[in-house]
Amino acid sequence: MIEDKDLKKLLEDYAVEEPSINFNNLIMQRIEKLQQKLLLNAQLLKILMLVFVISFILIMIASLSKPIQLPFSISIASGMYHQLFAFIIVFWIMMLCNMLWNRKYSY
């Protein structure tokens, strides 16, 4: 009986560990620092967006213009051009929708 009481006291004193008082505050501060840190700086992101937009415009112009005779030949079936063009259109529509969605629901 005495051993049970001693065992109970030891378990109450040492078995349950509690985090330090500032544990939650430290974790929240680290999370806030990580949220504030940007993956890419804003200027680099704008430059990348500009490159994507310019390349999209150039691809659109190239796909709608008269074919250019290249010094080498690439044998691509005519259906492939249609699929490639459709892929590019769908890709950019989804990219723009994603950007708008992220702006609308950013934290």
PDB file of N, CA and C in Angstrom:
ATOM      1  N   MET A   1       0.813  -1.187   0.000  1.00  0.00           N
ATOM      2  CA  MET A   1       0.000   0.000   0.000  1.00  0.00           C
ATOM      3  C   MET A   1       0.865   1.263   0.000  1.00  0.00           C
ATOM      4  N   ILE A   2       1.888   1.250   0.806  1.00  0.00           N
ATOM      5  CA  ILE A   2       2.771   2.408   0.877  1.00  0.00           C
ATOM      6  C   ILE A   2       3.498   2.569  -0.465  1.00  0.00           C
ATOM      7  N   GLU A   3       3.885   1.429  -1.055  1.00  0.00           N
ATOM      8  CA  GLU A   3       4.567   1.493  -2.341  1.00  0.00           C
ATOM      9  C   GLU A   3       3.662   2.072  -3.424  1.00  0.00           C
ATOM     10  N   ASP A   4       2.369   1.752  -3.371  1.00  0.00           N
ATOM     11  CA  ASP A   4       1.425   2.309  -4.335  1.00  0.00           C
ATOM     12  C   ASP A   4       1.316   3.822  -4.204  1.00  0.00           C
ATOM     13  N   LYS A   5       1.291   4.301  -2.965  1.00  0.00           N
ATOM     14  CA  LYS A   5       1.218   5.751  -2.749  1.00  0.00           C
ATOM     15  C   LYS A   5       2.495   6.430  -3.240  1.00  0.00           C
ATOM     16  N   ASP A   6       3.632   5.810  -2.963  1.00  0.00           N
ATOM     17  CA  ASP A   6       4.905   6.369  -3.428  1.00  0.00           C
ATOM     18  C   ASP A   6       4.975   6.371  -4.955  1.00  0.00           C
ATOM     19  N   LEU A   7       4.524   5.271  -5.536  1.00  0.00           N
ATOM     20  CA  LEU A   7       4.512   5.181  -6.991  1.00  0.00           C
ATOM     21  C   LEU A   7       3.591   6.218  -7.601  1.00  0.00           C
ATOM     22  N   LYS A   8       2.422   6.403  -6.996  1.00  0.00           N
ATOM     23  CA  LYS A   8       1.475   7.412  -7.483  1.00  0.00           C
ATOM     24  C   LYS A   8       2.083   8.808  -7.404  1.00  0.00           C
ATOM     25  N   LYS A   9       2.761   9.107  -6.305  1.00  0.00           N
ATOM     26  CA  LYS A   9       3.385  10.424  -6.144  1.00  0.00           C
ATOM     27  C   LYS A   9       4.490  10.627  -7.179  1.00  0.00           C
ATOM     28  N   LEU A  10       5.293   9.591  -7.405  1.00  0.00           N
ATOM     29  CA  LEU A  10       6.356   9.698  -8.401  1.00  0.00           C
ATOM     30  C   LEU A  10       5.786   9.924  -9.803  1.00  0.00           C
ATOM     31  N   LEU A  11       4.720   9.210 -10.128  1.00  0.00           N
ATOM     32  CA  LEU A  11       4.093   9.390 -11.437  1.00  0.00           C
ATOM     33  C   LEU A  11       3.511  10.787 -11.593  1.00  0.00           C
ATOM     34  N   GLU A  12       2.888  11.295 -10.536  1.00  0.00           N
ATOM     35  CA  GLU A  12       2.330  12.649 -10.617  1.00  0.00           C
ATOM     36  C   GLU A  12       3.423  13.693 -10.783  1.00  0.00           C
ATOM     37  N   ASP A  13       4.544  13.482 -10.133  1.00  0.00           N
ATOM     38  CA  ASP A  13       5.628  14.469 -10.184  1.00  0.00           C
ATOM     39  C   ASP A  13       6.431  14.415 -11.477  1.00  0.00           C
ATOM     40  N   TYR A  14       6.722  13.198 -11.967  1.00  0.00           N
ATOM     41  CA  TYR A  14       7.701  13.081 -13.045  1.00  0.00           C
ATOM     42  C   TYR A  14       7.176  12.497 -14.364  1.00  0.00           C
ATOM     43  N   ALA A  15       6.047  11.863 -14.359  1.00  0.00           N
ATOM     44  CA  ALA A  15       5.591  11.180 -15.565  1.00  0.00           C
ATOM     45  C   ALA A  15       5.011  12.133 -16.597  1.00  0.00           C
ATOM     46  N   VAL A  16       4.348  13.168 -16.180  1.00  0.00           N
ATOM     47  CA  VAL A  16       3.715  14.089 -17.115  1.00  0.00           C
ATOM     48  C   VAL A  16       4.626  15.302 -17.304  1.00  0.00           C
ATOM     49  N   GLU A  17       5.084  15.469 -18.528  1.00  0.00           N
ATOM     50  CA  GLU A  17       5.918  16.636 -18.831  1.00  0.00           C
ATOM     51  C   GLU A  17       5.060  17.700 -19.473  1.00  0.00           C
ATOM     52  N   GLU A  18       5.344  18.924 -19.152  1.00  0.00           N
ATOM     53  CA  GLU A  18       4.618  20.047 -19.737  1.00  0.00           C
ATOM     54  C   GLU A  18       5.603  20.921 -20.498  1.00  0.00           C
ATOM     55  N   PRO A  19       5.159  21.530 -21.579  1.00  0.00           N
ATOM     56  CA  PRO A  19       6.058  22.427 -22.313  1.00  0.00           C
ATOM     57  C   PRO A  19       6.342  23.678 -21.492  1.00  0.00           C
ATOM     58  N   SER A  20       7.402  24.341 -21.866  1.00  0.00           N
ATOM     59  CA  SER A  20       7.751  25.565 -21.147  1.00  0.00           C
ATOM     60  C   SER A  20       6.664  26.616 -21.338  1.00  0.00           C
ATOM     61  N   ILE A  21       6.721  27.640 -20.534  1.00  0.00           N
ATOM     62  CA  ILE A  21       5.695  28.683 -20.545  1.00  0.00           C
ATOM     63  C   ILE A  21       5.656  29.409 -21.889  1.00  0.00           C
ATOM     64  N   ASN A  22       6.797  29.647 -22.470  1.00  0.00           N
ATOM     65  CA  ASN A  22       6.878  30.414 -23.721  1.00  0.00           C
ATOM     66  C   ASN A  22       6.835  29.542 -24.971  1.00  0.00           C
ATOM     67  N   PHE A  23       6.570  28.265 -24.837  1.00  0.00           N
ATOM     68  CA  PHE A  23       6.623  27.350 -25.980  1.00  0.00           C
ATOM     69  C   PHE A  23       5.673  27.780 -27.095  1.00  0.00           C
ATOM     70  N   ASN A  24       4.428  28.035 -26.765  1.00  0.00           N
ATOM     71  CA  ASN A  24       3.453  28.436 -27.791  1.00  0.00           C
ATOM     72  C   ASN A  24       3.837  29.753 -28.448  1.00  0.00           C
ATOM     73  N   ASN A  25       4.307  30.699 -27.657  1.00  0.00           N
ATOM     74  CA  ASN A  25       4.721  31.990 -28.218  1.00  0.00           C
ATOM     75  C   ASN A  25       5.905  31.830 -29.168  1.00  0.00           C
ATOM     76  N   LEU A  26       6.874  31.002 -28.797  1.00  0.00           N
ATOM     77  CA  LEU A  26       8.035  30.786 -29.669  1.00  0.00           C
ATOM     78  C   LEU A  26       7.633  30.130 -30.985  1.00  0.00           C
ATOM     79  N   ILE A  27       6.775  29.145 -30.918  1.00  0.00           N
ATOM     80  CA  ILE A  27       6.324  28.474 -32.136  1.00  0.00           C
ATOM     81  C   ILE A  27       5.553  29.446 -33.030  1.00  0.00           C
ATOM     82  N   MET A  28       4.666  30.239 -32.454  1.00  0.00           N
ATOM     83  CA  MET A  28       3.894  31.201 -33.248  1.00  0.00           C
ATOM     84  C   MET A  28       4.801  32.259 -33.869  1.00  0.00           C
ATOM     85  N   GLN A  29       5.834  32.692 -33.162  1.00  0.00           N
ATOM     86  CA  GLN A  29       6.772  33.670 -33.731  1.00  0.00           C
ATOM     87  C   GLN A  29       7.518  33.073 -34.921  1.00  0.00           C
ATOM     88  N   ARG A  30       7.912  31.820 -34.811  1.00  0.00           N
ATOM     89  CA  ARG A  30       8.610  31.173 -35.933  1.00  0.00           C
ATOM     90  C   ARG A  30       7.691  31.030 -37.131  1.00  0.00           C
ATOM     91  N   ILE A  31       6.445  30.681 -36.898  1.00  0.00           N
ATOM     92  CA  ILE A  31       5.489  30.547 -37.992  1.00  0.00           C
ATOM     93  C   ILE A  31       5.257  31.892 -38.664  1.00  0.00           C
ATOM     94  N   GLU A  32       5.116  32.946 -37.891  1.00  0.00           N
ATOM     95  CA  GLU A  32       4.907  34.282 -38.466  1.00  0.00           C
ATOM     96  C   GLU A  32       6.117  34.731 -39.272  1.00  0.00           C
ATOM     97  N   LYS A  33       7.325  34.423 -38.807  1.00  0.00           N
ATOM     98  CA  LYS A  33       8.527  34.780 -39.569  1.00  0.00           C
ATOM     99  C   LYS A  33       8.560  34.053 -40.909  1.00  0.00           C
ATOM    100  N   LEU A  34       8.191  32.766 -40.901  1.00  0.00           N
ATOM    101  CA  LEU A  34       8.182  32.003 -42.147  1.00  0.00           C
ATOM    102  C   LEU A  34       7.113  32.509 -43.106  1.00  0.00           C
ATOM    103  N   GLN A  35       5.979  32.949 -42.584  1.00  0.00           N
ATOM    104  CA  GLN A  35       4.922  33.475 -43.447  1.00  0.00           C
ATOM    105  C   GLN A  35       5.330  34.801 -44.065  1.00  0.00           C
ATOM    106  N   GLN A  36       6.082  35.602 -43.344  1.00  0.00           N
ATOM    107  CA  GLN A  36       6.491  36.905 -43.860  1.00  0.00           C
ATOM    108  C   GLN A  36       7.613  36.786 -44.880  1.00  0.00           C
ATOM    109  N   LYS A  37       8.392  35.721 -44.796  1.00  0.00           N
ATOM    110  CA  LYS A  37       9.510  35.535 -45.712  1.00  0.00           C
ATOM    111  C   LYS A  37       8.979  35.135 -47.083  1.00  0.00           C
ATOM    112  N   LEU A  38       9.330  35.887 -48.113  1.00  0.00           N
ATOM    113  CA  LEU A  38       8.875  35.603 -49.475  1.00  0.00           C
ATOM    114  C   LEU A  38       9.817  34.616 -50.151  1.00  0.00           C
ATOM    115  N   LEU A  39       9.245  33.759 -50.967  1.00  0.00           N
ATOM    116  CA  LEU A  39      10.057  32.813 -51.718  1.00  0.00           C
ATOM    117  C   LEU A  39      10.858  33.541 -52.801  1.00  0.00           C
ATOM    118  N   LEU A  40      10.215  34.438 -53.495  1.00  0.00           N
ATOM    119  CA  LEU A  40      10.870  35.275 -54.502  1.00  0.00           C
ATOM    120  C   LEU A  40      10.571  36.731 -54.168  1.00  0.00           C
ATOM    121  N   ASN A  41      11.538  37.585 -54.409  1.00  0.00           N
ATOM    122  CA  ASN A  41      11.226  38.987 -54.147  1.00  0.00           C
ATOM    123  C   ASN A  41      10.288  39.518 -55.230  1.00  0.00           C
ATOM    124  N   ALA A  42       9.624  40.607 -54.940  1.00  0.00           N
ATOM    125  CA  ALA A  42       8.558  41.112 -55.806  1.00  0.00           C
ATOM    126  C   ALA A  42       9.074  41.511 -57.190  1.00  0.00           C
ATOM    127  N   GLN A  43      10.257  42.100 -57.260  1.00  0.00           N
ATOM    128  CA  GLN A  43      10.787  42.541 -58.552  1.00  0.00           C
ATOM    129  C   GLN A  43      11.089  41.339 -59.455  1.00  0.00           C
ATOM    130  N   LEU A  44      11.669  40.300 -58.910  1.00  0.00           N
ATOM    131  CA  LEU A  44      11.955  39.106 -59.693  1.00  0.00           C
ATOM    132  C   LEU A  44      10.666  38.447 -60.160  1.00  0.00           C
ATOM    133  N   LEU A  45       9.666  38.444 -59.321  1.00  0.00           N
ATOM    134  CA  LEU A  45       8.377  37.871 -59.696  1.00  0.00           C
ATOM    135  C   LEU A  45       7.737  38.652 -60.839  1.00  0.00           C
ATOM    136  N   LYS A  46       7.844  39.981 -60.809  1.00  0.00           N
ATOM    137  CA  LYS A  46       7.307  40.802 -61.903  1.00  0.00           C
ATOM    138  C   LYS A  46       8.049  40.538 -63.209  1.00  0.00           C
ATOM    139  N   ILE A  47       9.355  40.376 -63.121  1.00  0.00           N
ATOM    140  CA  ILE A  47      10.152  40.094 -64.321  1.00  0.00           C
ATOM    141  C   ILE A  47       9.750  38.735 -64.913  1.00  0.00           C
ATOM    142  N   LEU A  48       9.580  37.734 -64.058  1.00  0.00           N
ATOM    143  CA  LEU A  48       9.162  36.423 -64.539  1.00  0.00           C
ATOM    144  C   LEU A  48       7.781  36.476 -65.177  1.00  0.00           C
ATOM    145  N   MET A  49       6.880  37.218 -64.579  1.00  0.00           N
ATOM    146  CA  MET A  49       5.542  37.368 -65.160  1.00  0.00           C
ATOM    147  C   MET A  49       5.622  38.033 -66.534  1.00  0.00           C
ATOM    148  N   LEU A  50       6.451  39.060 -66.651  1.00  0.00           N
ATOM    149  CA  LEU A  50       6.617  39.744 -67.915  1.00  0.00           C
ATOM    150  C   LEU A  50       7.176  38.793 -68.982  1.00  0.00           C
ATOM    151  N   VAL A  51       8.143  37.968 -68.614  1.00  0.00           N
ATOM    152  CA  VAL A  51       8.707  37.000 -69.554  1.00  0.00           C
ATOM    153  C   VAL A  51       7.634  36.007 -69.993  1.00  0.00           C
ATOM    154  N   PHE A  52       6.811  35.530 -69.051  1.00  0.00           N
ATOM    155  CA  PHE A  52       5.736  34.594 -69.402  1.00  0.00           C
ATOM    156  C   PHE A  52       4.719  35.245 -70.335  1.00  0.00           C
ATOM    157  N   VAL A  53       4.354  36.474 -70.054  1.00  0.00           N
ATOM    158  CA  VAL A  53       3.359  37.150 -70.894  1.00  0.00           C
ATOM    159  C   VAL A  53       3.910  37.396 -72.295  1.00  0.00           C
ATOM    160  N   ILE A  54       5.150  37.844 -72.378  1.00  0.00           N
ATOM    161  CA  ILE A  54       5.763  38.089 -73.687  1.00  0.00           C
ATOM    162  C   ILE A  54       5.891  36.786 -74.473  1.00  0.00           C
ATOM    163  N   SER A  55       6.311  35.721 -73.809  1.00  0.00           N
ATOM    164  CA  SER A  55       6.431  34.444 -74.524  1.00  0.00           C
ATOM    165  C   SER A  55       5.061  33.943 -74.976  1.00  0.00           C
ATOM    166  N   PHE A  56       4.038  34.152 -74.176  1.00  0.00           N
ATOM    167  CA  PHE A  56       2.686  33.762 -74.576  1.00  0.00           C
ATOM    168  C   PHE A  56       2.246  34.533 -75.813  1.00  0.00           C
ATOM    169  N   ILE A  57       2.489  35.823 -75.822  1.00  0.00           N
ATOM    170  CA  ILE A  57       2.101  36.656 -76.973  1.00  0.00           C
ATOM    171  C   ILE A  57       2.868  36.223 -78.222  1.00  0.00           C
ATOM    172  N   LEU A  58       4.157  35.956 -78.073  1.00  0.00           N
ATOM    173  CA  LEU A  58       4.951  35.522 -79.214  1.00  0.00           C
ATOM    174  C   LEU A  58       4.478  34.167 -79.749  1.00  0.00           C
ATOM    175  N   ILE A  59       4.123  33.260 -78.859  1.00  0.00           N
ATOM    176  CA  ILE A  59       3.615  31.955 -79.299  1.00  0.00           C
ATOM    177  C   ILE A  59       2.280  32.119 -80.018  1.00  0.00           C
ATOM    178  N   MET A  60       1.425  33.001 -79.506  1.00  0.00           N
ATOM    179  CA  MET A  60       0.137  33.253 -80.165  1.00  0.00           C
ATOM    180  C   MET A  60       0.358  33.819 -81.566  1.00  0.00           C
ATOM    181  N   ILE A  61       1.250  34.777 -81.689  1.00  0.00           N
ATOM    182  CA  ILE A  61       1.535  35.381 -82.994  1.00  0.00           C
ATOM    183  C   ILE A  61       2.122  34.334 -83.942  1.00  0.00           C
ATOM    184  N   ALA A  62       3.045  33.525 -83.425  1.00  0.00           N
ATOM    185  CA  ALA A  62       3.678  32.504 -84.269  1.00  0.00           C
ATOM    186  C   ALA A  62       2.676  31.442 -84.702  1.00  0.00           C
ATOM    187  N   SER A  63       1.731  31.118 -83.849  1.00  0.00           N
ATOM    188  CA  SER A  63       0.774  30.077 -84.222  1.00  0.00           C
ATOM    189  C   SER A  63      -0.268  30.589 -85.211  1.00  0.00           C
ATOM    190  N   LEU A  64      -0.519  31.887 -85.235  1.00  0.00           N
ATOM    191  CA  LEU A  64      -1.517  32.445 -86.139  1.00  0.00           C
ATOM    192  C   LEU A  64      -0.921  32.964 -87.445  1.00  0.00           C
ATOM    193  N   SER A  65       0.382  33.153 -87.473  1.00  0.00           N
ATOM    194  CA  SER A  65       1.003  33.707 -88.673  1.00  0.00           C
ATOM    195  C   SER A  65       1.304  32.602 -89.690  1.00  0.00           C
ATOM    196  N   LYS A  66       1.781  33.050 -90.836  1.00  0.00           N
ATOM    197  CA  LYS A  66       2.130  32.133 -91.921  1.00  0.00           C
ATOM    198  C   LYS A  66       3.349  31.305 -91.499  1.00  0.00           C
ATOM    199  N   PRO A  67       3.340  30.017 -91.794  1.00  0.00           N
ATOM    200  CA  PRO A  67       4.480  29.173 -91.394  1.00  0.00           C
ATOM    201  C   PRO A  67       5.786  29.664 -92.015  1.00  0.00           C
ATOM    202  N   ILE A  68       6.835  29.560 -91.258  1.00  0.00           N
ATOM    203  CA  ILE A  68       8.159  29.995 -91.703  1.00  0.00           C
ATOM    204  C   ILE A  68       8.941  28.754 -92.152  1.00  0.00           C
ATOM    205  N   GLN A  69       9.637  28.887 -93.272  1.00  0.00           N
ATOM    206  CA  GLN A  69      10.447  27.779 -93.767  1.00  0.00           C
ATOM    207  C   GLN A  69      11.759  27.742 -92.983  1.00  0.00           C
ATOM    208  N   LEU A  70      11.971  26.664 -92.266  1.00  0.00           N
ATOM    209  CA  LEU A  70      13.198  26.506 -91.488  1.00  0.00           C
ATOM    210  C   LEU A  70      14.221  25.725 -92.300  1.00  0.00           C
ATOM    211  N   PRO A  71      15.512  25.905 -92.005  1.00  0.00           N
ATOM    212  CA  PRO A  71      16.536  25.174 -92.755  1.00  0.00           C
ATOM    213  C   PRO A  71      16.532  23.674 -92.446  1.00  0.00           C
ATOM    214  N   PHE A  72      15.839  23.250 -91.445  1.00  0.00           N
ATOM    215  CA  PHE A  72      15.728  21.826 -91.117  1.00  0.00           C
ATOM    216  C   PHE A  72      14.248  21.467 -91.086  1.00  0.00           C
ATOM    217  N   SER A  73      13.985  20.206 -91.192  1.00  0.00           N
ATOM    218  CA  SER A  73      12.579  19.807 -91.241  1.00  0.00           C
ATOM    219  C   SER A  73      12.197  19.052 -89.970  1.00  0.00           C
ATOM    220  N   ILE A  74      11.010  19.355 -89.497  1.00  0.00           N
ATOM    221  CA  ILE A  74      10.440  18.659 -88.346  1.00  0.00           C
ATOM    222  C   ILE A  74       9.116  18.086 -88.814  1.00  0.00           C
ATOM    223  N   SER A  75       8.993  16.791 -88.718  1.00  0.00           N
ATOM    224  CA  SER A  75       7.751  16.195 -89.178  1.00  0.00           C
ATOM    225  C   SER A  75       6.790  16.061 -87.993  1.00  0.00           C
ATOM    226  N   ILE A  76       5.823  16.957 -87.951  1.00  0.00           N
ATOM    227  CA  ILE A  76       4.794  16.941 -86.917  1.00  0.00           C
ATOM    228  C   ILE A  76       3.458  16.879 -87.637  1.00  0.00           C
ATOM    229  N   ALA A  77       2.624  15.986 -87.188  1.00  0.00           N
ATOM    230  CA  ALA A  77       1.308  15.859 -87.810  1.00  0.00           C
ATOM    231  C   ALA A  77       0.515  17.142 -87.583  1.00  0.00           C
ATOM    232  N   SER A  78      -0.394  17.453 -88.512  1.00  0.00           N
ATOM    233  CA  SER A  78      -1.143  18.705 -88.422  1.00  0.00           C
ATOM    234  C   SER A  78      -2.041  18.743 -87.190  1.00  0.00           C
ATOM    235  N   GLY A  79      -2.505  17.593 -86.715  1.00  0.00           N
ATOM    236  CA  GLY A  79      -3.325  17.548 -85.503  1.00  0.00           C
ATOM    237  C   GLY A  79      -2.546  17.952 -84.262  1.00  0.00           C
ATOM    238  N   MET A  80      -1.236  17.784 -84.315  1.00  0.00           N
ATOM    239  CA  MET A  80      -0.404  18.145 -83.175  1.00  0.00           C
ATOM    240  C   MET A  80      -0.402  19.649 -82.944  1.00  0.00           C
ATOM    241  N   TYR A  81      -0.443  20.429 -84.007  1.00  0.00           N
ATOM    242  CA  TYR A  81      -0.478  21.882 -83.842  1.00  0.00           C
ATOM    243  C   TYR A  81      -1.747  22.308 -83.117  1.00  0.00           C
ATOM    244  N   HIS A  82      -2.838  21.691 -83.477  1.00  0.00           N
ATOM    245  CA  HIS A  82      -4.105  22.004 -82.823  1.00  0.00           C
ATOM    246  C   HIS A  82      -4.048  21.630 -81.339  1.00  0.00           C
ATOM    247  N   GLN A  83      -3.492  20.474 -81.029  1.00  0.00           N
ATOM    248  CA  GLN A  83      -3.381  20.044 -79.635  1.00  0.00           C
ATOM    249  C   GLN A  83      -2.441  20.952 -78.851  1.00  0.00           C
ATOM    250  N   LEU A  84      -1.336  21.325 -79.468  1.00  0.00           N
ATOM    251  CA  LEU A  84      -0.388  22.213 -78.804  1.00  0.00           C
ATOM    252  C   LEU A  84      -1.011  23.576 -78.538  1.00  0.00           C
ATOM    253  N   PHE A  85      -1.696  24.105 -79.527  1.00  0.00           N
ATOM    254  CA  PHE A  85      -2.363  25.396 -79.377  1.00  0.00           C
ATOM    255  C   PHE A  85      -3.432  25.333 -78.288  1.00  0.00           C
ATOM    256  N   ALA A  86      -4.216  24.267 -78.264  1.00  0.00           N
ATOM    257  CA  ALA A  86      -5.251  24.109 -77.236  1.00  0.00           C
ATOM    258  C   ALA A  86      -4.622  23.985 -75.850  1.00  0.00           C
ATOM    259  N   PHE A  87      -3.516  23.250 -75.760  1.00  0.00           N
ATOM    260  CA  PHE A  87      -2.831  23.120 -74.471  1.00  0.00           C
ATOM    261  C   PHE A  87      -2.347  24.464 -73.964  1.00  0.00           C
ATOM    262  N   ILE A  88      -1.745  25.259 -74.841  1.00  0.00           N
ATOM    263  CA  ILE A  88      -1.239  26.572 -74.429  1.00  0.00           C
ATOM    264  C   ILE A  88      -2.377  27.460 -73.952  1.00  0.00           C
ATOM    265  N   ILE A  89      -3.482  27.467 -74.663  1.00  0.00           N
ATOM    266  CA  ILE A  89      -4.634  28.285 -74.263  1.00  0.00           C
ATOM    267  C   ILE A  89      -5.160  27.840 -72.898  1.00  0.00           C
ATOM    268  N   VAL A  90      -5.370  26.542 -72.723  1.00  0.00           N
ATOM    269  CA  VAL A  90      -5.896  26.034 -71.449  1.00  0.00           C
ATOM    270  C   VAL A  90      -4.914  26.294 -70.316  1.00  0.00           C
ATOM    271  N   PHE A  91      -3.627  26.105 -70.578  1.00  0.00           N
ATOM    272  CA  PHE A  91      -2.612  26.349 -69.556  1.00  0.00           C
ATOM    273  C   PHE A  91      -2.672  27.790 -69.061  1.00  0.00           C
ATOM    274  N   TRP A  92      -2.718  28.761 -69.981  1.00  0.00           N
ATOM    275  CA  TRP A  92      -2.715  30.157 -69.567  1.00  0.00           C
ATOM    276  C   TRP A  92      -4.031  30.559 -68.915  1.00  0.00           C
ATOM    277  N   ILE A  93      -5.131  30.000 -69.347  1.00  0.00           N
ATOM    278  CA  ILE A  93      -6.408  30.289 -68.673  1.00  0.00           C
ATOM    279  C   ILE A  93      -6.346  29.801 -67.233  1.00  0.00           C
ATOM    280  N   MET A  94      -5.856  28.591 -67.032  1.00  0.00           N
ATOM    281  CA  MET A  94      -5.770  28.046 -65.672  1.00  0.00           C
ATOM    282  C   MET A  94      -4.748  28.814 -64.838  1.00  0.00           C
ATOM    283  N   MET A  95      -3.647  29.235 -65.444  1.00  0.00           N
ATOM    284  CA  MET A  95      -2.640  30.022 -64.715  1.00  0.00           C
ATOM    285  C   MET A  95      -3.241  31.334 -64.235  1.00  0.00           C
ATOM    286  N   LEU A  96      -3.968  32.016 -65.094  1.00  0.00           N
ATOM    287  CA  LEU A  96      -4.586  33.287 -64.703  1.00  0.00           C
ATOM    288  C   LEU A  96      -5.668  33.081 -63.658  1.00  0.00           C
ATOM    289  N   CYS A  97      -6.456  32.022 -63.794  1.00  0.00           N
ATOM    290  CA  CYS A  97      -7.476  31.721 -62.771  1.00  0.00           C
ATOM    291  C   CYS A  97      -6.825  31.444 -61.419  1.00  0.00           C
ATOM    292  N   ASN A  98      -5.731  30.715 -61.436  1.00  0.00           N
ATOM    293  CA  ASN A  98      -5.019  30.418 -60.195  1.00  0.00           C
ATOM    294  C   ASN A  98      -4.473  31.690 -59.558  1.00  0.00           C
ATOM    295  N   MET A  99      -3.919  32.584 -60.360  1.00  0.00           N
ATOM    296  CA  MET A  99      -3.395  33.835 -59.822  1.00  0.00           C
ATOM    297  C   MET A  99      -4.510  34.674 -59.221  1.00  0.00           C
ATOM    298  N   LEU A 100      -5.635  34.758 -59.903  1.00  0.00           N
ATOM    299  CA  LEU A 100      -6.760  35.520 -59.369  1.00  0.00           C
ATOM    300  C   LEU A 100      -7.302  34.881 -58.099  1.00  0.00           C
ATOM    301  N   TRP A 101      -7.388  33.571 -58.073  1.00  0.00           N
ATOM    302  CA  TRP A 101      -7.872  32.853 -56.887  1.00  0.00           C
ATOM    303  C   TRP A 101      -6.951  33.120 -55.689  1.00  0.00           C
ATOM    304  N   ASN A 102      -5.631  33.071 -55.918  1.00  0.00           N
ATOM    305  CA  ASN A 102      -4.690  33.300 -54.827  1.00  0.00           C
ATOM    306  C   ASN A 102      -4.743  34.735 -54.319  1.00  0.00           C
ATOM    307  N   ARG A 103      -4.976  35.699 -55.197  1.00  0.00           N
ATOM    308  CA  ARG A 103      -5.120  37.082 -54.752  1.00  0.00           C
ATOM    309  C   ARG A 103      -6.400  37.279 -53.944  1.00  0.00           C
ATOM    310  N   LYS A 104      -7.454  36.643 -54.399  1.00  0.00           N
ATOM    311  CA  LYS A 104      -8.748  36.815 -53.742  1.00  0.00           C
ATOM    312  C   LYS A 104      -8.761  36.189 -52.346  1.00  0.00           C
ATOM    313  N   TYR A 105      -8.120  35.028 -52.198  1.00  0.00           N
ATOM    314  CA  TYR A 105      -8.161  34.306 -50.928  1.00  0.00           C
ATOM    315  C   TYR A 105      -6.823  34.282 -50.218  1.00  0.00           C
ATOM    316  N   SER A 106      -5.984  35.279 -50.445  1.00  0.00           N
ATOM    317  CA  SER A 106      -4.708  35.311 -49.734  1.00  0.00           C
ATOM    318  C   SER A 106      -4.956  35.704 -48.281  1.00  0.00           C
ATOM    319  N   TYR A 107      -4.111  35.169 -47.417  1.00  0.00           N
ATOM    320  CA  TYR A 107      -4.294  35.401 -45.989  1.00  0.00           C
ATOM    321  C   TYR A 107      -3.644  36.694 -45.601  1.00  0.00           C
TER     322      TYR A 107
END
